[in-house]
Amino acid sequence: MTKLLTSRDMAKISCPTCRGCGACCRDMGDSIRLDPYDVYLLTRNLGLAFSDLLDRSIALHAEGGLVLPHLLMKEEEKGEPCCSFLNREGRCSVHAFRPGLCRLFPLGRDYDGTGFSYFVVENACPVPGKSKVRISSWLGYGDLASYEVFTARWHYFVKEMQEMLGAFQGSEEARRLALYILQKFYAQPWDPDRGFFDEFEERLSLIRRAFS
């Protein structure tokens, strides 16, 4: 049985001998999904708009009726497709503000209906000799408590919207609603003078009122 952990627990996931093989950044398809906080950090730190990143570093995919972004894999001259943010030295060029799924690796999340727990994905990283590290330190978020609340709320909101949009699958109304969510949570700039998590809750309430 997989052992479930909290952010206060220690896990054997740190790679002190990592030399930047980039295995975790290659041939990932559209699996590195981006939530609104990921895009907020990327746009703020790169000084670019969401539209500037599209088709250059980010692509869109349809997922259960929603239109959501993911990291774009670029074709290398030789070898497997790799993340557009992977540099020639095999290092992440946005490591300080990398997306949540990248921070999480080689951990996974298990949602239980109200929140989530962490677990170690066995054999996810090929580097041997891993050492223990506290999960909160591994993730590296300054306000981890707020981030965890946001992550759970976003996860369940997406599930709720996918179930609702499923009832209108293929209709023009479903398309408009999906694009409205994309606009409100990704394309619309975030106020730099406000905290992200407070503004996210405001936008979430706005959308819930609109959908009700």
N, C-alpha and C. Protein backbone atom coordinates (compact mmCIF):
# COMPACT_ATOMS: atom_id res chain seq x y z
N MET A 1 0.84 -1.20 0.00
CA MET A 1 0.00 0.00 0.00
C MET A 1 0.88 1.25 0.00
N THR A 2 0.52 2.24 -0.82
CA THR A 2 1.29 3.48 -0.91
C THR A 2 1.14 4.27 0.38
N LYS A 3 2.26 4.72 0.93
CA LYS A 3 2.23 5.51 2.15
C LYS A 3 1.90 6.95 1.82
N LEU A 4 0.85 7.47 2.46
CA LEU A 4 0.45 8.85 2.24
C LEU A 4 1.13 9.76 3.25
N LEU A 5 1.57 10.93 2.78
CA LEU A 5 2.38 11.83 3.59
C LEU A 5 1.78 13.23 3.60
N THR A 6 2.19 14.02 4.58
CA THR A 6 1.85 15.43 4.62
C THR A 6 3.10 16.24 4.30
N SER A 7 2.95 17.53 4.11
CA SER A 7 4.10 18.37 3.79
C SER A 7 5.09 18.46 4.95
N ARG A 8 4.68 18.04 6.14
CA ARG A 8 5.59 18.06 7.30
C ARG A 8 6.48 16.82 7.35
N ASP A 9 6.13 15.80 6.58
CA ASP A 9 6.87 14.54 6.61
C ASP A 9 8.16 14.61 5.79
N MET A 10 9.08 13.67 6.11
CA MET A 10 10.31 13.51 5.36
C MET A 10 10.09 12.43 4.29
N ALA A 11 10.74 12.60 3.16
CA ALA A 11 10.64 11.61 2.09
C ALA A 11 12.01 11.48 1.41
N LYS A 12 12.31 10.28 0.94
CA LYS A 12 13.60 10.01 0.31
C LYS A 12 13.50 10.36 -1.18
N ILE A 13 13.62 11.64 -1.48
CA ILE A 13 13.40 12.12 -2.85
C ILE A 13 14.47 13.09 -3.33
N SER A 14 15.35 13.54 -2.45
CA SER A 14 16.36 14.51 -2.83
C SER A 14 17.50 13.83 -3.59
N CYS A 15 18.04 14.51 -4.61
CA CYS A 15 19.09 13.94 -5.46
C CYS A 15 20.36 14.79 -5.36
N PRO A 16 21.16 14.62 -4.32
CA PRO A 16 22.37 15.44 -4.19
C PRO A 16 23.39 15.19 -5.29
N THR A 17 23.28 14.05 -5.98
CA THR A 17 24.23 13.74 -7.06
C THR A 17 23.68 14.10 -8.43
N CYS A 18 22.55 14.82 -8.48
CA CYS A 18 21.94 15.18 -9.77
C CYS A 18 22.90 16.01 -10.61
N ARG A 19 23.08 15.62 -11.86
CA ARG A 19 23.95 16.35 -12.79
C ARG A 19 23.15 16.91 -13.97
N GLY A 20 21.84 16.97 -13.81
CA GLY A 20 21.02 17.55 -14.87
C GLY A 20 20.82 16.64 -16.05
N CYS A 21 20.42 15.39 -15.81
CA CYS A 21 20.18 14.47 -16.94
C CYS A 21 18.95 14.90 -17.73
N GLY A 22 18.04 15.62 -17.08
CA GLY A 22 16.85 16.11 -17.76
C GLY A 22 15.83 15.05 -18.08
N ALA A 23 15.97 13.86 -17.50
CA ALA A 23 15.03 12.77 -17.80
C ALA A 23 13.61 13.14 -17.42
N CYS A 24 13.44 13.91 -16.37
CA CYS A 24 12.09 14.28 -15.92
C CYS A 24 11.51 15.44 -16.74
N CYS A 25 12.28 15.95 -17.71
CA CYS A 25 11.83 17.08 -18.53
C CYS A 25 11.69 16.70 -20.00
N ARG A 26 11.77 15.40 -20.30
CA ARG A 26 11.75 14.96 -21.69
C ARG A 26 10.56 14.05 -21.98
N ASP A 27 10.05 14.17 -23.17
CA ASP A 27 9.02 13.28 -23.71
C ASP A 27 7.83 13.15 -22.75
N MET A 28 7.35 14.28 -22.24
CA MET A 28 6.25 14.28 -21.28
C MET A 28 4.89 14.55 -21.94
N GLY A 29 4.90 14.77 -23.24
CA GLY A 29 3.63 15.02 -23.93
C GLY A 29 2.93 16.24 -23.37
N ASP A 30 1.62 16.09 -23.09
CA ASP A 30 0.87 17.20 -22.50
C ASP A 30 0.57 16.96 -21.03
N SER A 31 1.41 16.13 -20.38
CA SER A 31 1.11 15.72 -19.00
C SER A 31 1.46 16.76 -17.95
N ILE A 32 2.27 17.77 -18.29
CA ILE A 32 2.62 18.80 -17.30
C ILE A 32 1.57 19.90 -17.40
N ARG A 33 0.43 19.66 -16.77
CA ARG A 33 -0.69 20.60 -16.81
C ARG A 33 -0.38 21.80 -15.91
N LEU A 34 -0.81 22.95 -16.33
CA LEU A 34 -0.54 24.19 -15.60
C LEU A 34 -1.81 24.71 -14.95
N ASP A 35 -1.72 24.99 -13.66
CA ASP A 35 -2.86 25.62 -12.99
C ASP A 35 -2.66 27.14 -13.02
N PRO A 36 -3.65 27.91 -12.59
CA PRO A 36 -3.52 29.38 -12.67
C PRO A 36 -2.31 29.94 -11.93
N TYR A 37 -1.92 29.33 -10.81
CA TYR A 37 -0.76 29.83 -10.07
C TYR A 37 0.52 29.61 -10.85
N ASP A 38 0.62 28.49 -11.56
CA ASP A 38 1.78 28.23 -12.40
C ASP A 38 1.95 29.34 -13.44
N VAL A 39 0.85 29.67 -14.11
CA VAL A 39 0.89 30.69 -15.16
C VAL A 39 1.15 32.06 -14.55
N TYR A 40 0.58 32.33 -13.39
CA TYR A 40 0.83 33.59 -12.68
C TYR A 40 2.33 33.76 -12.43
N LEU A 41 3.00 32.72 -11.93
CA LEU A 41 4.43 32.80 -11.64
C LEU A 41 5.25 32.95 -12.91
N LEU A 42 4.90 32.20 -13.95
CA LEU A 42 5.65 32.28 -15.20
C LEU A 42 5.53 33.67 -15.84
N THR A 43 4.32 34.19 -15.94
CA THR A 43 4.14 35.49 -16.59
C THR A 43 4.78 36.61 -15.78
N ARG A 44 4.64 36.54 -14.46
CA ARG A 44 5.20 37.60 -13.61
C ARG A 44 6.73 37.61 -13.68
N ASN A 45 7.33 36.44 -13.59
CA ASN A 45 8.80 36.37 -13.53
C ASN A 45 9.46 36.51 -14.90
N LEU A 46 8.76 36.12 -15.96
CA LEU A 46 9.32 36.28 -17.30
C LEU A 46 8.97 37.62 -17.92
N GLY A 47 8.03 38.36 -17.29
CA GLY A 47 7.62 39.63 -17.83
C GLY A 47 6.87 39.50 -19.14
N LEU A 48 6.12 38.40 -19.27
CA LEU A 48 5.39 38.11 -20.50
C LEU A 48 3.92 37.89 -20.20
N ALA A 49 3.08 38.15 -21.19
CA ALA A 49 1.66 37.87 -21.05
C ALA A 49 1.41 36.40 -21.39
N PHE A 50 0.26 35.91 -20.97
CA PHE A 50 -0.12 34.52 -21.27
C PHE A 50 -0.09 34.29 -22.79
N SER A 51 -0.58 35.26 -23.55
CA SER A 51 -0.61 35.12 -25.01
C SER A 51 0.80 35.04 -25.59
N ASP A 52 1.78 35.66 -24.92
CA ASP A 52 3.17 35.60 -25.40
C ASP A 52 3.76 34.20 -25.25
N LEU A 53 3.28 33.47 -24.24
CA LEU A 53 3.82 32.13 -23.97
C LEU A 53 3.17 31.06 -24.84
N LEU A 54 1.97 31.33 -25.31
CA LEU A 54 1.25 30.34 -26.12
C LEU A 54 2.03 30.01 -27.39
N ASP A 55 2.12 28.72 -27.67
CA ASP A 55 2.79 28.17 -28.85
C ASP A 55 4.29 28.35 -28.82
N ARG A 56 4.80 29.00 -27.77
CA ARG A 56 6.25 29.14 -27.62
C ARG A 56 6.74 28.29 -26.45
N SER A 57 6.01 28.36 -25.34
CA SER A 57 6.37 27.58 -24.16
C SER A 57 5.18 26.81 -23.60
N ILE A 58 3.99 27.24 -24.00
CA ILE A 58 2.74 26.66 -23.48
C ILE A 58 1.83 26.31 -24.66
N ALA A 59 1.10 25.21 -24.52
CA ALA A 59 0.10 24.83 -25.51
C ALA A 59 -1.22 24.57 -24.78
N LEU A 60 -2.31 24.53 -25.53
CA LEU A 60 -3.62 24.28 -24.96
C LEU A 60 -4.10 22.90 -25.36
N HIS A 61 -4.89 22.28 -24.48
CA HIS A 61 -5.49 20.99 -24.79
C HIS A 61 -6.89 20.94 -24.20
N ALA A 62 -7.74 20.14 -24.81
CA ALA A 62 -9.09 19.94 -24.30
C ALA A 62 -9.08 18.81 -23.29
N GLU A 63 -9.70 19.05 -22.15
CA GLU A 63 -9.70 18.05 -21.07
C GLU A 63 -11.07 18.06 -20.40
N GLY A 64 -11.88 17.07 -20.74
CA GLY A 64 -13.20 16.96 -20.13
C GLY A 64 -14.08 18.16 -20.38
N GLY A 65 -13.96 18.78 -21.55
CA GLY A 65 -14.78 19.94 -21.85
C GLY A 65 -14.11 21.27 -21.58
N LEU A 66 -13.08 21.27 -20.75
CA LEU A 66 -12.34 22.50 -20.47
C LEU A 66 -11.18 22.65 -21.44
N VAL A 67 -10.71 23.88 -21.60
CA VAL A 67 -9.51 24.15 -22.38
C VAL A 67 -8.45 24.61 -21.40
N LEU A 68 -7.39 23.80 -21.22
CA LEU A 68 -6.39 24.06 -20.19
C LEU A 68 -4.99 24.04 -20.79
N PRO A 69 -4.05 24.81 -20.21
CA PRO A 69 -2.69 24.86 -20.74
C PRO A 69 -1.77 23.78 -20.15
N HIS A 70 -0.74 23.46 -20.90
CA HIS A 70 0.31 22.56 -20.43
C HIS A 70 1.64 23.03 -20.99
N LEU A 71 2.73 22.56 -20.40
CA LEU A 71 4.05 22.92 -20.92
C LEU A 71 4.25 22.29 -22.29
N LEU A 72 4.83 23.05 -23.19
CA LEU A 72 5.05 22.59 -24.55
C LEU A 72 6.37 21.85 -24.65
N MET A 73 6.34 20.67 -25.26
CA MET A 73 7.55 19.92 -25.53
C MET A 73 8.07 20.33 -26.91
N LYS A 74 9.35 20.65 -26.99
CA LYS A 74 9.95 21.05 -28.27
C LYS A 74 10.79 19.90 -28.82
N GLU A 75 10.90 19.85 -30.13
CA GLU A 75 11.68 18.80 -30.77
C GLU A 75 13.17 19.15 -30.71
N GLU A 76 13.96 18.21 -30.23
CA GLU A 76 15.41 18.38 -30.24
C GLU A 76 15.97 17.86 -31.56
N GLU A 77 17.18 18.30 -31.89
CA GLU A 77 17.80 17.80 -33.11
C GLU A 77 18.03 16.30 -33.01
N LYS A 78 18.41 15.85 -31.84
CA LYS A 78 18.60 14.43 -31.59
C LYS A 78 17.96 14.10 -30.25
N GLY A 79 17.34 12.95 -30.16
CA GLY A 79 16.76 12.53 -28.89
C GLY A 79 15.29 12.83 -28.80
N GLU A 80 14.78 12.76 -27.57
CA GLU A 80 13.35 12.89 -27.32
C GLU A 80 12.94 14.36 -27.22
N PRO A 81 11.65 14.65 -27.45
CA PRO A 81 11.16 16.02 -27.23
C PRO A 81 11.38 16.42 -25.77
N CYS A 82 11.70 17.67 -25.54
CA CYS A 82 11.97 18.13 -24.17
C CYS A 82 11.19 19.40 -23.88
N CYS A 83 11.07 19.72 -22.62
CA CYS A 83 10.38 20.93 -22.19
C CYS A 83 11.03 22.15 -22.81
N SER A 84 10.21 23.09 -23.22
CA SER A 84 10.72 24.30 -23.87
C SER A 84 11.57 25.15 -22.93
N PHE A 85 11.49 24.90 -21.63
CA PHE A 85 12.28 25.66 -20.67
C PHE A 85 13.58 24.94 -20.29
N LEU A 86 13.85 23.78 -20.88
CA LEU A 86 15.09 23.05 -20.59
C LEU A 86 16.20 23.66 -21.43
N ASN A 87 17.31 24.08 -20.77
CA ASN A 87 18.39 24.71 -21.53
C ASN A 87 19.38 23.68 -22.06
N ARG A 88 20.39 24.14 -22.74
CA ARG A 88 21.35 23.24 -23.39
C ARG A 88 22.19 22.46 -22.39
N GLU A 89 22.28 22.96 -21.18
CA GLU A 89 23.04 22.25 -20.14
C GLU A 89 22.18 21.22 -19.42
N GLY A 90 20.95 21.05 -19.87
CA GLY A 90 20.06 20.07 -19.23
C GLY A 90 19.46 20.58 -17.94
N ARG A 91 19.41 21.88 -17.77
CA ARG A 91 18.88 22.49 -16.55
C ARG A 91 17.62 23.29 -16.87
N CYS A 92 16.78 23.44 -15.86
CA CYS A 92 15.54 24.20 -16.01
C CYS A 92 15.84 25.69 -15.95
N SER A 93 15.46 26.41 -16.99
CA SER A 93 15.73 27.85 -17.04
C SER A 93 14.75 28.66 -16.20
N VAL A 94 13.69 28.01 -15.70
CA VAL A 94 12.71 28.71 -14.85
C VAL A 94 12.61 28.02 -13.49
N HIS A 95 13.70 27.41 -13.06
CA HIS A 95 13.67 26.56 -11.86
C HIS A 95 13.13 27.29 -10.64
N ALA A 96 13.49 28.55 -10.47
CA ALA A 96 13.07 29.29 -9.28
C ALA A 96 11.56 29.50 -9.22
N PHE A 97 10.90 29.48 -10.37
CA PHE A 97 9.44 29.67 -10.41
C PHE A 97 8.78 28.62 -11.31
N ARG A 98 9.33 27.42 -11.28
CA ARG A 98 8.82 26.31 -12.10
C ARG A 98 7.41 25.91 -11.67
N PRO A 99 6.66 25.26 -12.56
CA PRO A 99 5.29 24.84 -12.24
C PRO A 99 5.22 23.84 -11.09
N GLY A 100 4.02 23.75 -10.51
CA GLY A 100 3.81 22.90 -9.35
C GLY A 100 4.10 21.44 -9.58
N LEU A 101 3.72 20.89 -10.75
CA LEU A 101 3.98 19.48 -11.02
C LEU A 101 5.47 19.20 -11.12
N CYS A 102 6.24 20.18 -11.60
CA CYS A 102 7.69 20.02 -11.67
C CYS A 102 8.29 20.04 -10.27
N ARG A 103 7.80 20.92 -9.41
CA ARG A 103 8.26 20.97 -8.03
C ARG A 103 7.93 19.66 -7.31
N LEU A 104 6.79 19.12 -7.61
CA LEU A 104 6.30 17.93 -6.93
C LEU A 104 7.15 16.70 -7.23
N PHE A 105 7.60 16.52 -8.46
CA PHE A 105 8.34 15.33 -8.89
C PHE A 105 9.53 15.04 -7.98
N PRO A 106 9.72 13.79 -7.54
CA PRO A 106 9.02 12.54 -7.87
C PRO A 106 7.90 12.17 -6.88
N LEU A 107 7.17 13.17 -6.45
CA LEU A 107 6.01 12.92 -5.60
C LEU A 107 4.74 12.97 -6.44
N GLY A 108 3.68 12.37 -5.92
CA GLY A 108 2.36 12.50 -6.50
C GLY A 108 1.42 13.01 -5.44
N ARG A 109 0.18 13.31 -5.84
CA ARG A 109 -0.83 13.77 -4.88
C ARG A 109 -2.04 12.86 -4.94
N ASP A 110 -2.60 12.57 -3.77
CA ASP A 110 -3.79 11.74 -3.67
C ASP A 110 -4.91 12.59 -3.07
N TYR A 111 -5.97 12.81 -3.85
CA TYR A 111 -7.10 13.63 -3.39
C TYR A 111 -8.14 12.73 -2.73
N ASP A 112 -8.62 13.16 -1.56
CA ASP A 112 -9.54 12.30 -0.79
C ASP A 112 -10.96 12.85 -0.71
N GLY A 113 -11.24 13.91 -1.45
CA GLY A 113 -12.59 14.48 -1.43
C GLY A 113 -12.66 15.85 -0.79
N THR A 114 -11.70 16.16 0.07
CA THR A 114 -11.66 17.48 0.70
C THR A 114 -10.30 18.15 0.52
N GLY A 115 -9.25 17.38 0.57
CA GLY A 115 -7.89 17.89 0.42
C GLY A 115 -7.04 16.85 -0.28
N PHE A 116 -5.75 16.83 0.02
CA PHE A 116 -4.89 15.84 -0.61
C PHE A 116 -3.72 15.47 0.29
N SER A 117 -3.10 14.34 -0.05
CA SER A 117 -1.88 13.89 0.60
C SER A 117 -0.83 13.66 -0.48
N TYR A 118 0.42 13.55 -0.05
CA TYR A 118 1.52 13.29 -0.97
C TYR A 118 1.93 11.82 -0.89
N PHE A 119 2.53 11.34 -1.97
CA PHE A 119 3.12 10.00 -1.94
C PHE A 119 4.31 9.98 -2.89
N VAL A 120 5.25 9.07 -2.62
CA VAL A 120 6.45 8.94 -3.46
C VAL A 120 6.13 8.03 -4.64
N VAL A 121 6.44 8.50 -5.84
CA VAL A 121 6.27 7.68 -7.04
C VAL A 121 7.54 6.86 -7.22
N GLU A 122 7.46 5.58 -6.99
CA GLU A 122 8.63 4.71 -7.03
C GLU A 122 9.24 4.66 -8.43
N ASN A 123 10.57 4.72 -8.47
CA ASN A 123 11.34 4.60 -9.72
C ASN A 123 11.02 5.70 -10.73
N ALA A 124 10.48 6.81 -10.25
CA ALA A 124 10.18 7.92 -11.17
C ALA A 124 11.45 8.62 -11.64
N CYS A 125 12.40 8.76 -10.74
CA CYS A 125 13.68 9.41 -11.06
C CYS A 125 14.78 8.35 -11.11
N PRO A 126 15.59 8.31 -12.18
CA PRO A 126 16.62 7.27 -12.31
C PRO A 126 17.88 7.51 -11.49
N VAL A 127 18.03 8.69 -10.89
CA VAL A 127 19.25 9.00 -10.15
C VAL A 127 19.30 8.19 -8.85
N PRO A 128 20.37 7.44 -8.60
CA PRO A 128 20.48 6.64 -7.36
C PRO A 128 20.93 7.48 -6.17
N GLY A 129 20.89 6.87 -5.00
CA GLY A 129 21.44 7.49 -3.79
C GLY A 129 20.66 8.67 -3.28
N LYS A 130 19.35 8.60 -3.32
CA LYS A 130 18.52 9.72 -2.85
C LYS A 130 18.60 9.85 -1.33
N SER A 131 18.45 11.08 -0.85
CA SER A 131 18.46 11.35 0.59
C SER A 131 17.11 11.91 1.01
N LYS A 132 16.88 11.91 2.32
CA LYS A 132 15.60 12.38 2.85
C LYS A 132 15.57 13.91 2.94
N VAL A 133 14.38 14.45 2.68
CA VAL A 133 14.17 15.88 2.79
C VAL A 133 12.72 16.10 3.21
N ARG A 134 12.48 17.18 3.95
CA ARG A 134 11.11 17.49 4.31
C ARG A 134 10.36 17.96 3.06
N ILE A 135 9.15 17.47 2.89
CA ILE A 135 8.39 17.77 1.67
C ILE A 135 8.16 19.27 1.50
N SER A 136 7.89 19.98 2.59
CA SER A 136 7.67 21.42 2.50
C SER A 136 8.91 22.13 1.94
N SER A 137 10.10 21.68 2.35
CA SER A 137 11.34 22.26 1.84
C SER A 137 11.55 21.90 0.37
N TRP A 138 11.18 20.67 0.02
CA TRP A 138 11.32 20.21 -1.37
C TRP A 138 10.46 21.05 -2.31
N LEU A 139 9.24 21.36 -1.90
CA LEU A 139 8.34 22.14 -2.74
C LEU A 139 8.79 23.60 -2.86
N GLY A 140 9.28 24.15 -1.77
CA GLY A 140 9.90 25.47 -1.83
C GLY A 140 8.96 26.64 -1.96
N TYR A 141 7.71 26.49 -1.53
CA TYR A 141 6.76 27.62 -1.58
C TYR A 141 6.85 28.41 -0.28
N GLY A 142 6.83 29.74 -0.39
CA GLY A 142 6.89 30.57 0.80
C GLY A 142 5.66 30.45 1.66
N ASP A 143 4.50 30.34 1.04
CA ASP A 143 3.23 30.21 1.76
C ASP A 143 2.59 28.89 1.34
N LEU A 144 3.16 27.80 1.83
CA LEU A 144 2.70 26.47 1.42
C LEU A 144 1.26 26.20 1.84
N ALA A 145 0.87 26.69 3.01
CA ALA A 145 -0.49 26.44 3.49
C ALA A 145 -1.52 27.01 2.51
N SER A 146 -1.31 28.24 2.06
CA SER A 146 -2.23 28.86 1.10
C SER A 146 -2.18 28.14 -0.24
N TYR A 147 -0.98 27.71 -0.63
CA TYR A 147 -0.85 26.99 -1.90
C TYR A 147 -1.61 25.66 -1.86
N GLU A 148 -1.53 24.96 -0.75
CA GLU A 148 -2.23 23.67 -0.65
C GLU A 148 -3.74 23.87 -0.68
N VAL A 149 -4.23 24.91 -0.02
CA VAL A 149 -5.67 25.21 -0.08
C VAL A 149 -6.08 25.52 -1.52
N PHE A 150 -5.29 26.36 -2.18
CA PHE A 150 -5.57 26.70 -3.58
C PHE A 150 -5.58 25.46 -4.47
N THR A 151 -4.57 24.60 -4.32
CA THR A 151 -4.45 23.41 -5.16
C THR A 151 -5.67 22.51 -5.03
N ALA A 152 -6.11 22.29 -3.80
CA ALA A 152 -7.29 21.45 -3.58
C ALA A 152 -8.53 22.10 -4.18
N ARG A 153 -8.69 23.39 -3.97
CA ARG A 153 -9.89 24.08 -4.48
C ARG A 153 -9.91 24.10 -6.00
N TRP A 154 -8.75 24.29 -6.61
CA TRP A 154 -8.68 24.27 -8.07
C TRP A 154 -8.99 22.87 -8.60
N HIS A 155 -8.45 21.85 -7.98
CA HIS A 155 -8.68 20.46 -8.40
C HIS A 155 -10.18 20.13 -8.40
N TYR A 156 -10.85 20.47 -7.32
CA TYR A 156 -12.28 20.13 -7.23
C TYR A 156 -13.14 21.04 -8.10
N PHE A 157 -12.70 22.27 -8.32
CA PHE A 157 -13.42 23.15 -9.23
C PHE A 157 -13.36 22.59 -10.66
N VAL A 158 -12.17 22.15 -11.08
CA VAL A 158 -12.02 21.58 -12.42
C VAL A 158 -12.90 20.35 -12.57
N LYS A 159 -12.91 19.47 -11.57
CA LYS A 159 -13.76 18.29 -11.63
C LYS A 159 -15.24 18.67 -11.75
N GLU A 160 -15.63 19.65 -10.96
CA GLU A 160 -17.02 20.11 -10.97
C GLU A 160 -17.41 20.67 -12.34
N MET A 161 -16.53 21.49 -12.92
CA MET A 161 -16.81 22.09 -14.22
C MET A 161 -16.84 21.03 -15.32
N GLN A 162 -15.95 20.04 -15.24
CA GLN A 162 -15.94 18.98 -16.24
C GLN A 162 -17.23 18.16 -16.20
N GLU A 163 -17.72 17.91 -15.00
CA GLU A 163 -18.99 17.17 -14.88
C GLU A 163 -20.14 17.99 -15.43
N MET A 164 -20.14 19.30 -15.16
CA MET A 164 -21.21 20.15 -15.64
C MET A 164 -21.17 20.32 -17.15
N LEU A 165 -19.96 20.56 -17.69
CA LEU A 165 -19.82 20.77 -19.13
C LEU A 165 -20.10 19.49 -19.91
N GLY A 166 -19.93 18.35 -19.24
CA GLY A 166 -20.23 17.08 -19.89
C GLY A 166 -21.68 16.98 -20.32
N ALA A 167 -22.55 17.68 -19.60
CA ALA A 167 -23.98 17.65 -19.94
C ALA A 167 -24.27 18.44 -21.21
N PHE A 168 -23.33 19.36 -21.59
CA PHE A 168 -23.51 20.17 -22.79
C PHE A 168 -22.45 19.84 -23.84
N GLN A 169 -21.88 18.65 -23.75
CA GLN A 169 -20.75 18.27 -24.58
C GLN A 169 -21.00 18.54 -26.07
N GLY A 170 -20.03 19.24 -26.68
CA GLY A 170 -20.10 19.51 -28.11
C GLY A 170 -20.96 20.70 -28.50
N SER A 171 -21.61 21.32 -27.55
CA SER A 171 -22.49 22.45 -27.86
C SER A 171 -21.72 23.76 -27.89
N GLU A 172 -22.30 24.76 -28.52
CA GLU A 172 -21.71 26.08 -28.57
C GLU A 172 -21.66 26.69 -27.16
N GLU A 173 -22.65 26.40 -26.35
CA GLU A 173 -22.67 26.90 -24.97
C GLU A 173 -21.49 26.36 -24.18
N ALA A 174 -21.21 25.06 -24.33
CA ALA A 174 -20.07 24.45 -23.62
C ALA A 174 -18.76 25.09 -24.07
N ARG A 175 -18.62 25.37 -25.35
CA ARG A 175 -17.40 25.99 -25.86
C ARG A 175 -17.21 27.38 -25.26
N ARG A 176 -18.30 28.15 -25.21
CA ARG A 176 -18.21 29.51 -24.66
C ARG A 176 -17.85 29.48 -23.17
N LEU A 177 -18.43 28.55 -22.44
CA LEU A 177 -18.13 28.45 -21.01
C LEU A 177 -16.68 28.04 -20.78
N ALA A 178 -16.18 27.11 -21.59
CA ALA A 178 -14.79 26.68 -21.45
C ALA A 178 -13.83 27.83 -21.73
N LEU A 179 -14.12 28.62 -22.75
CA LEU A 179 -13.27 29.76 -23.08
C LEU A 179 -13.36 30.86 -22.03
N TYR A 180 -14.53 30.99 -21.40
CA TYR A 180 -14.70 31.97 -20.32
C TYR A 180 -13.80 31.61 -19.13
N ILE A 181 -13.74 30.33 -18.80
CA ILE A 181 -12.88 29.88 -17.70
C ILE A 181 -11.41 30.09 -18.06
N LEU A 182 -11.03 29.78 -19.29
CA LEU A 182 -9.65 30.00 -19.73
C LEU A 182 -9.29 31.48 -19.63
N GLN A 183 -10.19 32.34 -20.03
CA GLN A 183 -9.95 33.77 -19.98
C GLN A 183 -9.80 34.26 -18.54
N LYS A 184 -10.73 33.87 -17.68
CA LYS A 184 -10.75 34.39 -16.31
C LYS A 184 -9.57 33.91 -15.46
N PHE A 185 -9.12 32.66 -15.67
CA PHE A 185 -8.09 32.11 -14.80
C PHE A 185 -6.69 32.12 -15.41
N TYR A 186 -6.58 32.33 -16.71
CA TYR A 186 -5.27 32.27 -17.35
C TYR A 186 -4.93 33.51 -18.17
N ALA A 187 -5.80 33.88 -19.10
CA ALA A 187 -5.46 34.97 -20.01
C ALA A 187 -5.55 36.34 -19.36
N GLN A 188 -6.51 36.53 -18.46
CA GLN A 188 -6.67 37.82 -17.79
C GLN A 188 -5.52 38.04 -16.81
N PRO A 189 -4.78 39.14 -16.93
CA PRO A 189 -3.63 39.38 -16.05
C PRO A 189 -4.06 39.45 -14.57
N TRP A 190 -3.13 39.07 -13.70
CA TRP A 190 -3.37 39.14 -12.26
C TRP A 190 -2.82 40.46 -11.74
N ASP A 191 -3.50 41.03 -10.79
CA ASP A 191 -3.11 42.32 -10.22
C ASP A 191 -1.80 42.16 -9.44
N PRO A 192 -0.72 42.82 -9.87
CA PRO A 192 0.58 42.67 -9.17
C PRO A 192 0.58 43.24 -7.76
N ASP A 193 -0.40 44.09 -7.44
CA ASP A 193 -0.44 44.71 -6.12
C ASP A 193 -1.31 43.92 -5.14
N ARG A 194 -1.86 42.80 -5.60
CA ARG A 194 -2.68 41.97 -4.72
C ARG A 194 -2.05 40.61 -4.57
N GLY A 195 -2.40 39.90 -3.51
CA GLY A 195 -1.93 38.54 -3.35
C GLY A 195 -2.69 37.63 -4.31
N PHE A 196 -1.98 36.68 -4.93
CA PHE A 196 -2.62 35.79 -5.90
C PHE A 196 -3.77 35.03 -5.29
N PHE A 197 -3.58 34.46 -4.11
CA PHE A 197 -4.58 33.57 -3.55
C PHE A 197 -5.89 34.30 -3.22
N ASP A 198 -5.78 35.54 -2.77
CA ASP A 198 -6.99 36.33 -2.51
C ASP A 198 -7.73 36.64 -3.81
N GLU A 199 -6.98 37.01 -4.84
CA GLU A 199 -7.61 37.32 -6.12
C GLU A 199 -8.19 36.07 -6.77
N PHE A 200 -7.52 34.93 -6.57
CA PHE A 200 -8.07 33.68 -7.10
C PHE A 200 -9.43 33.39 -6.48
N GLU A 201 -9.54 33.55 -5.18
CA GLU A 201 -10.82 33.29 -4.51
C GLU A 201 -11.90 34.23 -5.03
N GLU A 202 -11.52 35.46 -5.32
CA GLU A 202 -12.49 36.43 -5.85
C GLU A 202 -12.97 35.99 -7.24
N ARG A 203 -12.04 35.58 -8.08
CA ARG A 203 -12.42 35.12 -9.43
C ARG A 203 -13.23 33.83 -9.37
N LEU A 204 -12.87 32.97 -8.45
CA LEU A 204 -13.61 31.71 -8.30
C LEU A 204 -15.05 31.99 -7.89
N SER A 205 -15.25 32.92 -6.96
CA SER A 205 -16.60 33.28 -6.54
C SER A 205 -17.37 33.91 -7.68
N LEU A 206 -16.71 34.74 -8.48
CA LEU A 206 -17.34 35.38 -9.64
C LEU A 206 -17.84 34.33 -10.63
N ILE A 207 -17.00 33.35 -10.92
CA ILE A 207 -17.38 32.32 -11.88
C ILE A 207 -18.50 31.45 -11.32
N ARG A 208 -18.44 31.14 -10.06
CA ARG A 208 -19.51 30.32 -9.46
C ARG A 208 -20.85 31.05 -9.53
N ARG A 209 -20.83 32.36 -9.30
CA ARG A 209 -22.06 33.13 -9.40
C ARG A 209 -22.57 33.15 -10.84
N ALA A 210 -21.65 33.29 -11.79
CA ALA A 210 -22.03 33.32 -13.20
C ALA A 210 -22.62 31.99 -13.63
N PHE A 211 -22.05 30.88 -13.15
CA PHE A 211 -22.50 29.56 -13.55
C PHE A 211 -23.80 29.16 -12.84
N SER A 212 -24.06 29.77 -11.71
CA SER A 212 -25.30 29.42 -10.98
C SER A 212 -26.51 30.12 -11.60
